[in-house]
Structure formats: structure tokens, C-alpha cells
Amino acid sequence: MGRGAGKRVGVVLSGCGYLDGSEIQEATVTLLALDREGAKVRAAAPDVEQMHVVDHRLAQPTQEKRNILVEAARIVRGQIVPLDELHACDLDALVVPGGYGVAKNLCSFAVDGPRLQVHPEVERVVREMHAARKPQGFICIAPMIAAKVLGSHHPRLTIGNDPQTATTVRELGGEHVECPVDEIVVDEVNLLLSTPAYMLGPTIAPVAAGIERLIARLLVMA
């Protein structure tokens, strides 16, 4: 039996594809690490149109329209619910993988920078988890959501070592901690964990090492 046996973990996705949704490798490593430890995953995503669709071969926006929930369902083989059905009372922990979809669909950081707004359902579940004293893991750019939503609690977070993004974390009320890709930062007071993942990269192996450490610690705290 793994350390996560029977523990219920919400995974919030933002689409499918690192340029306009969830970073697929980060999401997959997260799901694999949770499954290996015996956790019960409950995936969720907002049931709304994503900001835009990007051709990942050309790295250029297209004229397509796609739904965040429908796209995120690709990653979890259809086993997903609308985010408004995800509640802290049904979970032991929460994880948010990264990808530009976090900054475009789950919040507006990609467009608004330090003036970002967080999707109301994302904000709700993060606040619910924090109020219930249940651990939350934020991967890649996702710690920006924690900085915005929980800034008044001065969370300790990492996005790696990018100076501009770290400054935004501090402007929102957080404490930024520099961290290598294969390590994690743990805020024991607010029960928050973060790892840089593809904010640093460069490849899936070191990214996976950091995410696996985050999940292992998250399940111990749950």
C-alpha cells in the first residue's frame, strides 16, 4: 500500500497542451505519481471556452474555439468533472499542474500580469482547501494562483528563479524562494507545496523528479 492509499486528491486541469492548456507531461507525471501511491484522483476543469487555441507545431494561435473541460478530458481518459463540482469536503489534497493554460484559462496572468484575476471556481476551491487545512500542490506557473488567492497569508512559493515572475509573487503578498527543477518548496504554515517544473525544465526527467517529490510530500501531509 502506498502512502496515498485511499486519499482523495483533486487535480485541476486547464486544457490540453502547454501553450494553451495544461502541460501534458506535468499533468501525466502528476497522475502517475498519485496512482503509484494509491491515491484516488478526482480531475476537474472549468466548463468554459479557453482563451484561445494554439497550433503546437507552429506555436501560433488559430481561429478554433475549444472548451477547457472537453480538452482536459483528453488527459484523464474522460474521467473528469466540471470544476464547480469539486469541493474541499470531498478531498484530502489538491494539485494544480502548470502550462500556459493556468495563466490563460485558470487566471489572467498571461494578459494582466500583476493585475491578474483568478477564475472564480478556481479561487473558491483554493480558499476552501486552505480554510479546511488541507494541503495543496502548485506546479510550474500555478503558484501564481496561490500567491493571488492567498496573498494575505504570505505563502512561501517557488516558480524557479525567473526574476520578473518572482517579483510578481512578492507583489501579491507571497514570499518567493528560488528552487532547482528537481526540488520543492514547502510552506508548512499554509500547507502549500510548489516545484518549478517547466518554468526551468529542460526535459521531462528533472521535471518529473520535482513533481514526484511534491506528490510524495503532499500525500504525507494529507
Protein backbone atom coordinates (compact mmCIF):
# COMPACT_ATOMS: atom_id res chain seq x y z
CA MET A 1 0.00 0.00 0.00
CA GLY A 2 1.35 3.43 -0.94
CA ARG A 3 1.39 6.46 1.32
CA GLY A 4 -1.60 7.83 -0.60
CA ALA A 5 -3.79 4.74 -0.23
CA GLY A 6 -7.41 5.84 -0.11
CA LYS A 7 -6.58 9.55 -0.10
CA ARG A 8 -8.72 11.70 -2.39
CA VAL A 9 -6.76 14.19 -4.47
CA GLY A 10 -8.26 16.81 -6.73
CA VAL A 11 -6.29 17.63 -9.89
CA VAL A 12 -7.30 20.90 -11.54
CA LEU A 13 -6.56 20.99 -15.27
CA SER A 14 -6.65 23.93 -17.67
CA GLY A 15 -6.98 22.28 -21.08
CA CYS A 16 -4.63 20.07 -23.07
CA GLY A 17 -1.29 21.34 -24.38
CA TYR A 18 1.33 23.54 -22.78
CA LEU A 19 0.75 26.61 -24.96
CA ASP A 20 -2.99 26.91 -24.32
CA GLY A 21 -3.88 24.40 -21.59
CA SER A 22 -2.30 22.04 -19.07
CA GLU A 23 1.30 20.98 -19.68
CA ILE A 24 0.67 17.37 -20.66
CA GLN A 25 3.91 15.94 -19.29
CA GLU A 26 3.47 17.72 -15.94
CA ALA A 27 -0.13 16.53 -15.71
CA THR A 28 0.77 12.96 -16.66
CA VAL A 29 3.64 12.75 -14.18
CA THR A 30 1.30 14.09 -11.50
CA LEU A 31 -1.33 11.47 -12.28
CA LEU A 32 1.25 8.68 -12.43
CA ALA A 33 2.81 9.66 -9.10
CA LEU A 34 -0.60 9.79 -7.45
CA ASP A 35 -1.64 6.43 -8.89
CA ARG A 36 1.59 4.74 -7.81
CA GLU A 37 0.90 5.82 -4.24
CA GLY A 38 -2.68 4.54 -4.34
CA ALA A 39 -4.42 7.92 -4.28
CA LYS A 40 -7.90 8.38 -5.71
CA VAL A 41 -7.79 11.14 -8.33
CA ARG A 42 -10.72 13.44 -8.99
CA ALA A 43 -9.87 15.57 -12.02
CA ALA A 44 -11.73 18.79 -12.73
CA ALA A 45 -11.61 21.78 -15.06
CA PRO A 46 -13.72 24.86 -15.74
CA ASP A 47 -16.56 24.18 -18.19
CA VAL A 48 -15.95 27.29 -20.30
CA GLU A 49 -14.28 28.24 -23.57
CA GLN A 50 -10.49 28.54 -23.31
CA MET A 51 -8.79 31.85 -24.05
CA HIS A 52 -7.57 30.69 -27.45
CA VAL A 53 -6.27 27.62 -29.29
CA VAL A 54 -2.61 27.35 -30.28
CA ASP A 55 -1.16 25.21 -33.06
CA HIS A 56 1.60 23.49 -31.08
CA ARG A 57 3.61 22.68 -34.19
CA LEU A 58 3.83 26.31 -35.28
CA ALA A 59 3.36 27.90 -31.83
CA GLN A 60 0.75 30.19 -33.38
CA PRO A 61 -2.86 30.91 -32.37
CA THR A 62 -5.61 29.56 -34.61
CA GLN A 63 -9.24 30.60 -35.14
CA GLU A 64 -10.58 27.48 -33.40
CA LYS A 65 -12.77 27.56 -30.31
CA ARG A 66 -12.38 24.83 -27.68
CA ASN A 67 -13.81 24.09 -24.24
CA ILE A 68 -11.37 23.75 -21.31
CA LEU A 69 -13.22 20.81 -19.73
CA VAL A 70 -13.56 18.93 -23.02
CA GLU A 71 -9.87 19.40 -23.82
CA ALA A 72 -8.70 18.46 -20.30
CA ALA A 73 -10.74 15.26 -20.56
CA ARG A 74 -8.21 14.01 -23.13
CA ILE A 75 -5.52 13.80 -20.41
CA VAL A 76 -7.60 11.76 -17.96
CA ARG A 77 -9.35 9.44 -20.42
CA GLY A 78 -12.65 11.24 -19.92
CA GLN A 79 -12.69 10.83 -16.13
CA ILE A 80 -13.29 14.47 -15.21
CA VAL A 81 -15.95 16.73 -13.71
CA PRO A 82 -16.74 20.43 -14.08
CA LEU A 83 -14.79 22.45 -11.54
CA ASP A 84 -17.94 23.65 -9.79
CA GLU A 85 -18.45 20.03 -8.65
CA LEU A 86 -15.08 19.92 -6.84
CA HIS A 87 -15.26 20.74 -3.13
CA ALA A 88 -12.79 20.60 -0.25
CA CYS A 89 -15.15 18.45 1.81
CA ASP A 90 -14.69 15.66 -0.73
CA LEU A 91 -10.89 15.91 -0.92
CA ASP A 92 -7.79 15.29 1.17
CA ALA A 93 -5.45 17.30 -1.08
CA LEU A 94 -5.37 19.36 -4.28
CA VAL A 95 -2.82 19.68 -7.12
CA VAL A 96 -2.65 22.17 -9.98
CA PRO A 97 -0.22 21.22 -12.80
CA GLY A 98 1.20 24.03 -14.91
CA GLY A 99 1.14 25.05 -18.55
CA TYR A 100 0.15 28.34 -20.14
CA GLY A 101 -3.46 27.32 -19.64
CA VAL A 102 -3.01 28.14 -15.96
CA ALA A 103 -2.02 31.70 -16.89
CA LYS A 104 -4.64 31.99 -19.65
CA ASN A 105 -7.63 29.93 -18.52
CA LEU A 106 -7.41 29.49 -14.74
CA CYS A 107 -6.29 33.07 -14.26
CA SER A 108 -5.39 36.07 -16.41
CA PHE A 109 -1.69 36.35 -15.57
CA ALA A 110 -0.66 35.91 -19.23
CA VAL A 111 -2.63 39.02 -20.16
CA ASP A 112 -2.80 41.11 -16.99
CA GLY A 113 0.47 40.33 -15.21
CA PRO A 114 0.40 41.50 -11.57
CA ARG A 115 -3.22 42.67 -12.02
CA LEU A 116 -4.34 39.11 -12.72
CA GLN A 117 -7.77 37.82 -11.82
CA VAL A 118 -8.38 34.16 -10.89
CA HIS A 119 -11.30 32.16 -12.30
CA PRO A 120 -13.99 32.27 -9.58
CA GLU A 121 -14.28 28.48 -9.26
CA VAL A 122 -10.50 28.10 -9.01
CA GLU A 123 -10.39 30.75 -6.32
CA ARG A 124 -13.24 29.09 -4.45
CA VAL A 125 -11.67 25.64 -4.28
CA VAL A 126 -8.24 27.02 -3.30
CA ARG A 127 -9.81 29.06 -0.50
CA GLU A 128 -11.92 26.09 0.63
CA MET A 129 -8.86 23.83 0.82
CA HIS A 130 -6.87 26.45 2.73
CA ALA A 131 -9.69 27.07 5.19
CA ALA A 132 -10.06 23.31 5.74
CA ARG A 133 -6.31 22.97 6.43
CA LYS A 134 -5.79 20.54 3.55
CA PRO A 135 -2.53 20.55 1.54
CA GLN A 136 -2.27 21.96 -1.97
CA GLY A 137 0.45 21.50 -4.58
CA PHE A 138 1.18 24.05 -7.30
CA ILE A 139 3.41 23.18 -10.25
CA CYS A 140 5.26 25.38 -12.76
CA ILE A 141 3.41 28.72 -13.12
CA ALA A 142 0.47 27.57 -10.97
CA PRO A 143 1.96 29.04 -7.75
CA MET A 144 0.89 32.40 -9.15
CA ILE A 145 -2.68 31.39 -8.37
CA ALA A 146 -1.78 30.66 -4.74
CA ALA A 147 0.05 33.99 -4.50
CA LYS A 148 -3.02 35.86 -5.75
CA VAL A 149 -5.70 33.98 -3.83
CA LEU A 150 -3.78 33.52 -0.57
CA GLY A 151 -1.55 36.59 -0.67
CA SER A 152 -2.88 37.91 2.62
CA HIS A 153 -1.49 34.75 4.26
CA HIS A 154 2.01 35.44 2.84
CA PRO A 155 2.57 32.00 1.26
CA ARG A 156 6.09 30.63 0.61
CA LEU A 157 6.24 29.60 -3.05
CA THR A 158 8.60 28.95 -5.93
CA ILE A 159 8.42 29.37 -9.69
CA GLY A 160 12.14 28.59 -10.03
CA ASN A 161 14.35 31.63 -10.45
CA ASP A 162 12.77 33.98 -13.02
CA PRO A 163 13.25 37.47 -11.50
CA GLN A 164 10.19 39.13 -13.05
CA THR A 165 7.77 36.35 -12.09
CA ALA A 166 9.29 36.14 -8.61
CA THR A 167 8.74 39.88 -8.20
CA THR A 168 5.07 39.43 -9.05
CA VAL A 169 4.76 36.71 -6.39
CA ARG A 170 6.16 39.15 -3.84
CA GLU A 171 3.91 41.99 -5.06
CA LEU A 172 0.90 39.75 -4.46
CA GLY A 173 1.95 39.11 -0.87
CA GLY A 174 3.92 35.89 -1.23
CA GLU A 175 7.48 35.02 -0.32
CA HIS A 176 9.37 33.69 -3.33
CA VAL A 177 12.05 31.03 -2.74
CA GLU A 178 14.47 30.11 -5.53
CA CYS A 179 14.44 26.39 -6.20
CA PRO A 180 16.02 23.97 -8.70
CA VAL A 181 13.76 22.00 -11.02
CA ASP A 182 14.06 18.70 -9.13
CA GLU A 183 13.28 20.11 -5.68
CA ILE A 184 10.25 21.54 -3.89
CA VAL A 185 9.37 24.38 -1.55
CA VAL A 186 7.05 23.59 1.35
CA ASP A 187 5.04 26.17 3.28
CA GLU A 188 4.25 24.33 6.49
CA VAL A 189 2.05 27.14 7.80
CA ASN A 190 -0.27 27.34 4.80
CA LEU A 191 0.15 23.68 3.76
CA LEU A 192 1.35 24.66 0.28
CA LEU A 193 3.89 22.87 -1.89
CA SER A 194 5.42 24.08 -5.15
CA THR A 195 8.01 23.00 -7.70
CA PRO A 196 9.33 24.81 -10.82
CA ALA A 197 8.83 22.02 -13.41
CA TYR A 198 8.93 23.52 -16.91
CA MET A 199 9.49 27.02 -15.58
CA LEU A 200 13.05 25.65 -15.57
CA GLY A 201 12.94 22.33 -17.46
CA PRO A 202 14.74 21.48 -19.62
CA THR A 203 13.38 17.93 -20.05
CA ILE A 204 10.83 15.57 -18.54
CA ALA A 205 13.26 13.64 -16.29
CA PRO A 206 14.24 16.52 -13.96
CA VAL A 207 10.72 17.93 -14.14
CA ALA A 208 9.35 14.55 -13.06
CA ALA A 209 11.78 14.36 -10.15
CA GLY A 210 10.42 17.59 -8.70
CA ILE A 211 6.79 16.65 -9.24
CA GLU A 212 7.30 13.22 -7.70
CA ARG A 213 8.85 14.82 -4.61
CA LEU A 214 5.92 17.21 -4.38
CA ILE A 215 3.34 14.42 -4.60
CA ALA A 216 5.18 12.25 -2.05
CA ARG A 217 5.25 15.11 0.47
CA LEU A 218 1.67 16.18 -0.32
CA LEU A 219 0.35 12.71 0.48
CA VAL A 220 2.25 12.61 3.77
CA MET A 221 0.65 15.95 4.71
CA ALA A 222 -2.85 14.90 3.57
